[in-house]
PDB file of N, CA and C in Angstrom:
ATOM      1  N   MET A   1       0.845  -1.163   0.000  1.00  0.00           N
ATOM      2  CA  MET A   1       0.000   0.000   0.000  1.00  0.00           C
ATOM      3  C   MET A   1       0.898   1.236   0.000  1.00  0.00           C
ATOM      4  N   THR A   2       0.699   2.111  -0.977  1.00  0.00           N
ATOM      5  CA  THR A   2       1.476   3.339  -1.070  1.00  0.00           C
ATOM      6  C   THR A   2       0.575   4.530  -0.764  1.00  0.00           C
ATOM      7  N   VAL A   3       1.000   5.345   0.196  1.00  0.00           N
ATOM      8  CA  VAL A   3       0.226   6.511   0.621  1.00  0.00           C
ATOM      9  C   VAL A   3       1.198   7.651   0.882  1.00  0.00           C
ATOM     10  N   ARG A   4       0.832   8.858   0.487  1.00  0.00           N
ATOM     11  CA  ARG A   4       1.651  10.026   0.817  1.00  0.00           C
ATOM     12  C   ARG A   4       1.489  10.329   2.300  1.00  0.00           C
ATOM     13  N   LEU A   5       2.609  10.621   2.958  1.00  0.00           N
ATOM     14  CA  LEU A   5       2.559  10.930   4.389  1.00  0.00           C
ATOM     15  C   LEU A   5       1.611  12.082   4.681  1.00  0.00           C
ATOM     16  N   SER A   6       1.661  13.112   3.862  1.00  0.00           N
ATOM     17  CA  SER A   6       0.831  14.297   4.098  1.00  0.00           C
ATOM     18  C   SER A   6      -0.660  13.981   4.050  1.00  0.00           C
ATOM     19  N   GLU A   7      -1.045  12.905   3.369  1.00  0.00           N
ATOM     20  CA  GLU A   7      -2.453  12.523   3.277  1.00  0.00           C
ATOM     21  C   GLU A   7      -2.953  11.830   4.541  1.00  0.00           C
ATOM     22  N   LEU A   8      -2.059  11.355   5.385  1.00  0.00           N
ATOM     23  CA  LEU A   8      -2.455  10.608   6.577  1.00  0.00           C
ATOM     24  C   LEU A   8      -2.851  11.495   7.752  1.00  0.00           C
ATOM     25  N   PHE A   9      -2.198  12.640   7.892  1.00  0.00           N
ATOM     26  CA  PHE A   9      -2.424  13.499   9.056  1.00  0.00           C
ATOM     27  C   PHE A   9      -3.877  13.953   9.159  1.00  0.00           C
ATOM     28  N   GLY A  10      -4.454  13.765  10.348  1.00  0.00           N
ATOM     29  CA  GLY A  10      -5.825  14.186  10.603  1.00  0.00           C
ATOM     30  C   GLY A  10      -6.890  13.180  10.219  1.00  0.00           C
ATOM     31  N   LYS A  11      -6.510  12.099   9.560  1.00  0.00           N
ATOM     32  CA  LYS A  11      -7.504  11.090   9.181  1.00  0.00           C
ATOM     33  C   LYS A  11      -8.012  10.355  10.410  1.00  0.00           C
ATOM     34  N   GLU A  12      -9.287  10.013  10.379  1.00  0.00           N
ATOM     35  CA  GLU A  12      -9.904   9.231  11.446  1.00  0.00           C
ATOM     36  C   GLU A  12      -9.403   7.794  11.362  1.00  0.00           C
ATOM     37  N   ILE A  13      -9.226   7.171  12.533  1.00  0.00           N
ATOM     38  CA  ILE A  13      -8.770   5.783  12.605  1.00  0.00           C
ATOM     39  C   ILE A  13      -9.893   4.951  13.216  1.00  0.00           C
ATOM     40  N   TYR A  14     -10.287   3.884  12.497  1.00  0.00           N
ATOM     41  CA  TYR A  14     -11.328   2.973  12.968  1.00  0.00           C
ATOM     42  C   TYR A  14     -10.836   1.535  12.882  1.00  0.00           C
ATOM     43  N   THR A  15     -11.352   0.698  13.789  1.00  0.00           N
ATOM     44  CA  THR A  15     -11.074  -0.733  13.713  1.00  0.00           C
ATOM     45  C   THR A  15     -12.048  -1.356  12.716  1.00  0.00           C
ATOM     46  N   VAL A  16     -11.774  -2.602  12.324  1.00  0.00           N
ATOM     47  CA  VAL A  16     -12.685  -3.307  11.422  1.00  0.00           C
ATOM     48  C   VAL A  16     -14.043  -3.538  12.083  1.00  0.00           C
ATOM     49  N   ASP A  17     -14.103  -3.425  13.405  1.00  0.00           N
ATOM     50  CA  ASP A  17     -15.356  -3.581  14.146  1.00  0.00           C
ATOM     51  C   ASP A  17     -16.129  -2.265  14.264  1.00  0.00           C
ATOM     52  N   GLY A  18     -15.599  -1.184  13.687  1.00  0.00           N
ATOM     53  CA  GLY A  18     -16.279   0.108  13.708  1.00  0.00           C
ATOM     54  C   GLY A  18     -15.965   0.984  14.907  1.00  0.00           C
ATOM     55  N   GLU A  19     -14.997   0.586  15.725  1.00  0.00           N
ATOM     56  CA  GLU A  19     -14.618   1.370  16.903  1.00  0.00           C
ATOM     57  C   GLU A  19     -13.659   2.493  16.502  1.00  0.00           C
ATOM     58  N   ARG A  20     -14.003   3.729  16.884  1.00  0.00           N
ATOM     59  CA  ARG A  20     -13.130   4.873  16.587  1.00  0.00           C
ATOM     60  C   ARG A  20     -11.953   4.857  17.546  1.00  0.00           C
ATOM     61  N   ARG A  21     -10.730   4.987  17.007  1.00  0.00           N
ATOM     62  CA  ARG A  21      -9.520   4.984  17.833  1.00  0.00           C
ATOM     63  C   ARG A  21      -8.864   6.346  17.926  1.00  0.00           C
ATOM     64  N   GLY A  22      -9.336   7.329  17.155  1.00  0.00           N
ATOM     65  CA  GLY A  22      -8.759   8.667  17.196  1.00  0.00           C
ATOM     66  C   GLY A  22      -8.415   9.166  15.810  1.00  0.00           C
ATOM     67  N   LYS A  23      -7.557  10.183  15.773  1.00  0.00           N
ATOM     68  CA  LYS A  23      -7.077  10.760  14.514  1.00  0.00           C
ATOM     69  C   LYS A  23      -5.570  10.623  14.454  1.00  0.00           C
ATOM     70  N   VAL A  24      -5.049  10.564  13.231  1.00  0.00           N
ATOM     71  CA  VAL A  24      -3.598  10.512  13.045  1.00  0.00           C
ATOM     72  C   VAL A  24      -3.026  11.859  13.456  1.00  0.00           C
ATOM     73  N   PHE A  25      -2.100  11.830  14.415  1.00  0.00           N
ATOM     74  CA  PHE A  25      -1.474  13.060  14.894  1.00  0.00           C
ATOM     75  C   PHE A  25      -0.019  13.127  14.461  1.00  0.00           C
ATOM     76  N   ASP A  26       0.726  12.070  14.711  1.00  0.00           N
ATOM     77  CA  ASP A  26       2.139  12.002  14.334  1.00  0.00           C
ATOM     78  C   ASP A  26       2.449  10.618  13.792  1.00  0.00           C
ATOM     79  N   LEU A  27       3.568  10.528  13.096  1.00  0.00           N
ATOM     80  CA  LEU A  27       4.040   9.256  12.561  1.00  0.00           C
ATOM     81  C   LEU A  27       5.464   9.017  13.037  1.00  0.00           C
ATOM     82  N   VAL A  28       5.758   7.780  13.393  1.00  0.00           N
ATOM     83  CA  VAL A  28       7.127   7.389  13.726  1.00  0.00           C
ATOM     84  C   VAL A  28       7.642   6.631  12.512  1.00  0.00           C
ATOM     85  N   ILE A  29       8.719   7.142  11.921  1.00  0.00           N
ATOM     86  CA  ILE A  29       9.243   6.585  10.676  1.00  0.00           C
ATOM     87  C   ILE A  29      10.605   5.955  10.916  1.00  0.00           C
ATOM     88  N   ASN A  30      10.797   4.765  10.378  1.00  0.00           N
ATOM     89  CA  ASN A  30      12.090   4.090  10.413  1.00  0.00           C
ATOM     90  C   ASN A  30      12.811   4.482   9.128  1.00  0.00           C
ATOM     91  N   LEU A  31      13.765   5.387   9.238  1.00  0.00           N
ATOM     92  CA  LEU A  31      14.466   5.888   8.058  1.00  0.00           C
ATOM     93  C   LEU A  31      15.356   4.835   7.420  1.00  0.00           C
ATOM     94  N   GLU A  32      15.907   3.929   8.217  1.00  0.00           N
ATOM     95  CA  GLU A  32      16.760   2.875   7.668  1.00  0.00           C
ATOM     96  C   GLU A  32      15.968   1.923   6.781  1.00  0.00           C
ATOM     97  N   LYS A  33      14.746   1.607   7.192  1.00  0.00           N
ATOM     98  CA  LYS A  33      13.910   0.686   6.421  1.00  0.00           C
ATOM     99  C   LYS A  33      12.994   1.422   5.448  1.00  0.00           C
ATOM    100  N   GLY A  34      12.890   2.746   5.609  1.00  0.00           N
ATOM    101  CA  GLY A  34      12.077   3.545   4.706  1.00  0.00           C
ATOM    102  C   GLY A  34      10.588   3.293   4.834  1.00  0.00           C
ATOM    103  N   ARG A  35      10.111   3.126   6.081  1.00  0.00           N
ATOM    104  CA  ARG A  35       8.687   2.859   6.258  1.00  0.00           C
ATOM    105  C   ARG A  35       8.164   3.455   7.566  1.00  0.00           C
ATOM    106  N   ILE A  36       6.852   3.582   7.615  1.00  0.00           N
ATOM    107  CA  ILE A  36       6.180   4.050   8.824  1.00  0.00           C
ATOM    108  C   ILE A  36       6.133   2.887   9.804  1.00  0.00           C
ATOM    109  N   GLU A  37       6.487   3.148  11.052  1.00  0.00           N
ATOM    110  CA  GLU A  37       6.443   2.113  12.087  1.00  0.00           C
ATOM    111  C   GLU A  37       5.186   2.247  12.943  1.00  0.00           C
ATOM    112  N   THR A  38       4.834   3.491  13.303  1.00  0.00           N
ATOM    113  CA  THR A  38       3.770   3.721  14.271  1.00  0.00           C
ATOM    114  C   THR A  38       2.983   4.979  13.927  1.00  0.00           C
ATOM    115  N   ILE A  39       1.684   4.933  14.209  1.00  0.00           N
ATOM    116  CA  ILE A  39       0.813   6.105  14.118  1.00  0.00           C
ATOM    117  C   ILE A  39       0.474   6.504  15.547  1.00  0.00           C
ATOM    118  N   THR A  40       0.633   7.780  15.880  1.00  0.00           N
ATOM    119  CA  THR A  40       0.228   8.227  17.217  1.00  0.00           C
ATOM    120  C   THR A  40      -1.066   9.028  17.109  1.00  0.00           C
ATOM    121  N   THR A  41      -1.888   8.924  18.150  1.00  0.00           N
ATOM    122  CA  THR A  41      -3.153   9.659  18.185  1.00  0.00           C
ATOM    123  C   THR A  41      -3.055  10.890  19.084  1.00  0.00           C
ATOM    124  N   GLU A  42      -1.852  11.166  19.546  1.00  0.00           N
ATOM    125  CA  GLU A  42      -1.551  12.379  20.316  1.00  0.00           C
ATOM    126  C   GLU A  42      -0.212  12.911  19.827  1.00  0.00           C
ATOM    127  N   PRO A  43       0.013  14.219  19.968  1.00  0.00           N
ATOM    128  CA  PRO A  43       1.294  14.771  19.519  1.00  0.00           C
ATOM    129  C   PRO A  43       2.455  14.231  20.347  1.00  0.00           C
ATOM    130  N   LEU A  44       3.591  14.051  19.692  1.00  0.00           N
ATOM    131  CA  LEU A  44       4.792  13.560  20.376  1.00  0.00           C
ATOM    132  C   LEU A  44       5.599  14.700  20.982  1.00  0.00           C
ATOM    133  N   LYS A  45       4.953  15.744  21.401  1.00  0.00           N
ATOM    134  CA  LYS A  45       5.632  16.872  22.052  1.00  0.00           C
ATOM    135  C   LYS A  45       5.761  16.559  23.536  1.00  0.00           C
ATOM    136  N   ALA A  46       6.606  15.630  23.841  1.00  0.00           N
ATOM    137  CA  ALA A  46       6.775  15.186  25.227  1.00  0.00           C
ATOM    138  C   ALA A  46       7.869  15.987  25.909  1.00  0.00           C
ATOM    139  N   SER A  47       7.687  16.220  27.190  1.00  0.00           N
ATOM    140  CA  SER A  47       8.689  16.958  27.952  1.00  0.00           C
ATOM    141  C   SER A  47       9.759  16.031  28.522  1.00  0.00           C
ATOM    142  N   SER A  48       9.525  14.731  28.449  1.00  0.00           N
ATOM    143  CA  SER A  48      10.507  13.775  28.961  1.00  0.00           C
ATOM    144  C   SER A  48      10.448  12.484  28.154  1.00  0.00           C
ATOM    145  N   LYS A  49      11.483  11.664  28.279  1.00  0.00           N
ATOM    146  CA  LYS A  49      11.495  10.369  27.598  1.00  0.00           C
ATOM    147  C   LYS A  49      10.372   9.483  28.105  1.00  0.00           C
ATOM    148  N   ALA A  50      10.090   9.562  29.406  1.00  0.00           N
ATOM    149  CA  ALA A  50       9.021   8.744  29.991  1.00  0.00           C
ATOM    150  C   ALA A  50       7.664   9.118  29.397  1.00  0.00           C
ATOM    151  N   GLU A  51       7.436  10.411  29.219  1.00  0.00           N
ATOM    152  CA  GLU A  51       6.169  10.865  28.638  1.00  0.00           C
ATOM    153  C   GLU A  51       6.058  10.425  27.179  1.00  0.00           C
ATOM    154  N   ALA A  52       7.148  10.544  26.429  1.00  0.00           N
ATOM    155  CA  ALA A  52       7.158  10.099  25.033  1.00  0.00           C
ATOM    156  C   ALA A  52       6.911   8.597  24.950  1.00  0.00           C
ATOM    157  N   ARG A  53       7.537   7.838  25.828  1.00  0.00           N
ATOM    158  CA  ARG A  53       7.356   6.382  25.855  1.00  0.00           C
ATOM    159  C   ARG A  53       5.895   6.030  26.147  1.00  0.00           C
ATOM    160  N   LYS A  54       5.261   6.791  27.046  1.00  0.00           N
ATOM    161  CA  LYS A  54       3.859   6.550  27.387  1.00  0.00           C
ATOM    162  C   LYS A  54       2.962   6.783  26.168  1.00  0.00           C
ATOM    163  N   ILE A  55       3.219   7.849  25.437  1.00  0.00           N
ATOM    164  CA  ILE A  55       2.440   8.132  24.227  1.00  0.00           C
ATOM    165  C   ILE A  55       2.630   7.012  23.212  1.00  0.00           C
ATOM    166  N   ILE A  56       3.879   6.580  23.026  1.00  0.00           N
ATOM    167  CA  ILE A  56       4.168   5.522  22.045  1.00  0.00           C
ATOM    168  C   ILE A  56       3.494   4.208  22.440  1.00  0.00           C
ATOM    169  N   THR A  57       3.459   3.885  23.725  1.00  0.00           N
ATOM    170  CA  THR A  57       2.890   2.600  24.137  1.00  0.00           C
ATOM    171  C   THR A  57       1.377   2.640  24.339  1.00  0.00           C
ATOM    172  N   GLU A  58       0.829   3.783  24.771  1.00  0.00           N
ATOM    173  CA  GLU A  58      -0.597   3.840  25.098  1.00  0.00           C
ATOM    174  C   GLU A  58      -1.464   4.557  24.066  1.00  0.00           C
ATOM    175  N   LYS A  59      -0.890   5.452  23.302  1.00  0.00           N
ATOM    176  CA  LYS A  59      -1.675   6.266  22.374  1.00  0.00           C
ATOM    177  C   LYS A  59      -1.213   6.085  20.933  1.00  0.00           C
ATOM    178  N   SER A  60      -0.719   4.889  20.625  1.00  0.00           N
ATOM    179  CA  SER A  60      -0.183   4.632  19.298  1.00  0.00           C
ATOM    180  C   SER A  60      -0.712   3.326  18.731  1.00  0.00           C
ATOM    181  N   ILE A  61      -0.596   3.213  17.418  1.00  0.00           N
ATOM    182  CA  ILE A  61      -1.032   2.020  16.705  1.00  0.00           C
ATOM    183  C   ILE A  61       0.102   1.599  15.782  1.00  0.00           C
ATOM    184  N   PRO A  62       0.537   0.333  15.857  1.00  0.00           N
ATOM    185  CA  PRO A  62       1.565  -0.132  14.926  1.00  0.00           C
ATOM    186  C   PRO A  62       1.044  -0.028  13.488  1.00  0.00           C
ATOM    187  N   TYR A  63       1.846   0.513  12.593  1.00  0.00           N
ATOM    188  CA  TYR A  63       1.402   0.680  11.207  1.00  0.00           C
ATOM    189  C   TYR A  63       1.133  -0.665  10.548  1.00  0.00           C
ATOM    190  N   ALA A  64       1.740  -1.725  11.045  1.00  0.00           N
ATOM    191  CA  ALA A  64       1.505  -3.065  10.496  1.00  0.00           C
ATOM    192  C   ALA A  64       0.039  -3.483  10.651  1.00  0.00           C
ATOM    193  N   LYS A  65      -0.702  -2.833  11.544  1.00  0.00           N
ATOM    194  CA  LYS A  65      -2.122  -3.150  11.732  1.00  0.00           C
ATOM    195  C   LYS A  65      -3.021  -2.449  10.713  1.00  0.00           C
ATOM    196  N   VAL A  66      -2.467  -1.523   9.936  1.00  0.00           N
ATOM    197  CA  VAL A  66      -3.269  -0.786   8.960  1.00  0.00           C
ATOM    198  C   VAL A  66      -3.659  -1.717   7.816  1.00  0.00           C
ATOM    199  N   ILE A  67      -4.962  -1.782   7.575  1.00  0.00           N
ATOM    200  CA  ILE A  67      -5.498  -2.590   6.485  1.00  0.00           C
ATOM    201  C   ILE A  67      -5.715  -1.718   5.258  1.00  0.00           C
ATOM    202  N   SER A  68      -6.215  -0.503   5.484  1.00  0.00           N
ATOM    203  CA  SER A  68      -6.517   0.410   4.391  1.00  0.00           C
ATOM    204  C   SER A  68      -6.331   1.849   4.863  1.00  0.00           C
ATOM    205  N   ALA A  69      -5.868   2.696   3.950  1.00  0.00           N
ATOM    206  CA  ALA A  69      -5.692   4.122   4.250  1.00  0.00           C
ATOM    207  C   ALA A  69      -6.248   4.915   3.074  1.00  0.00           C
ATOM    208  N   LYS A  70      -7.553   5.155   3.119  1.00  0.00           N
ATOM    209  CA  LYS A  70      -8.205   5.924   2.061  1.00  0.00           C
ATOM    210  C   LYS A  70      -8.905   7.114   2.700  1.00  0.00           C
ATOM    211  N   ASP A  71     -10.234   7.130   2.724  1.00  0.00           N
ATOM    212  CA  ASP A  71     -10.956   8.231   3.376  1.00  0.00           C
ATOM    213  C   ASP A  71     -10.760   8.190   4.885  1.00  0.00           C
ATOM    214  N   ILE A  72     -10.630   6.978   5.422  1.00  0.00           N
ATOM    215  CA  ILE A  72     -10.315   6.760   6.833  1.00  0.00           C
ATOM    216  C   ILE A  72      -9.177   5.750   6.895  1.00  0.00           C
ATOM    217  N   ILE A  73      -8.596   5.586   8.081  1.00  0.00           N
ATOM    218  CA  ILE A  73      -7.591   4.541   8.297  1.00  0.00           C
ATOM    219  C   ILE A  73      -8.326   3.378   8.959  1.00  0.00           C
ATOM    220  N   LEU A  74      -8.262   2.211   8.347  1.00  0.00           N
ATOM    221  CA  LEU A  74      -8.911   1.018   8.876  1.00  0.00           C
ATOM    222  C   LEU A  74      -7.831   0.096   9.422  1.00  0.00           C
ATOM    223  N   ILE A  75      -7.983  -0.315  10.691  1.00  0.00           N
ATOM    224  CA  ILE A  75      -6.960  -1.157  11.313  1.00  0.00           C
ATOM    225  C   ILE A  75      -7.545  -2.479  11.792  1.00  0.00           C
ATOM    226  N   SER A  76      -6.680  -3.462  11.858  1.00  0.00           N
ATOM    227  CA  SER A  76      -7.024  -4.784  12.365  1.00  0.00           C
ATOM    228  C   SER A  76      -7.144  -4.727  13.879  1.00  0.00           C
ATOM    229  N   THR A  77      -7.988  -5.593  14.437  1.00  0.00           N
ATOM    230  CA  THR A  77      -8.107  -5.691  15.891  1.00  0.00           C
ATOM    231  C   THR A  77      -7.344  -6.892  16.424  1.00  0.00           C
ATOM    232  N   ARG A  78      -6.715  -7.647  15.543  1.00  0.00           N
ATOM    233  CA  ARG A  78      -5.950  -8.821  15.963  1.00  0.00           C
ATOM    234  C   ARG A  78      -4.741  -8.391  16.769  1.00  0.00           C
ATOM    235  N   GLN A  79      -4.419  -9.149  17.800  1.00  0.00           N
ATOM    236  CA  GLN A  79      -3.294  -8.832  18.684  1.00  0.00           C
ATOM    237  C   GLN A  79      -1.951  -9.034  18.003  1.00  0.00           C
ATOM    238  N   GLU A  80      -1.829 -10.121  17.248  1.00  0.00           N
ATOM    239  CA  GLU A  80      -0.543 -10.393  16.614  1.00  0.00           C
ATOM    240  C   GLU A  80      -0.376  -9.502  15.393  1.00  0.00           C
ATOM    241  N   VAL A  81       0.836  -9.037  15.205  1.00  0.00           N
ATOM    242  CA  VAL A  81       1.165  -8.161  14.089  1.00  0.00           C
ATOM    243  C   VAL A  81       2.252  -8.842  13.285  1.00  0.00           C
ATOM    244  N   ALA A  82       2.084  -8.856  11.975  1.00  0.00           N
ATOM    245  CA  ALA A  82       3.068  -9.501  11.109  1.00  0.00           C
ATOM    246  C   ALA A  82       4.414  -8.806  11.225  1.00  0.00           C
ATOM    247  N   LYS A  83       5.464  -9.579  11.356  1.00  0.00           N
ATOM    248  CA  LYS A  83       6.832  -9.053  11.423  1.00  0.00           C
ATOM    249  C   LYS A  83       7.534  -9.343  10.107  1.00  0.00           C
ATOM    250  N   GLU A  84       8.296  -8.360   9.631  1.00  0.00           N
ATOM    251  CA  GLU A  84       9.068  -8.558   8.398  1.00  0.00           C
ATOM    252  C   GLU A  84      10.516  -8.739   8.724  1.00  0.00           C
TER     253      GLU A  84
END
């Protein structure tokens, strides 16, 4: 799936079950692999590493869970995430 980064910001995120998870706020990008790793539903403007870690673990969605990114972002509800 190819998507422009600028098109993702502000999009609503829903699970396949119809549960709203928030809006895309920030993206964590792995520059070495050239891909998005995580979508955050809160800004990553953290005042400490602990606060940033909390946002990444509690207010984020692994990009591997994204099924579709069109008018909305549709994500899987399955716990396991495919590893490459």
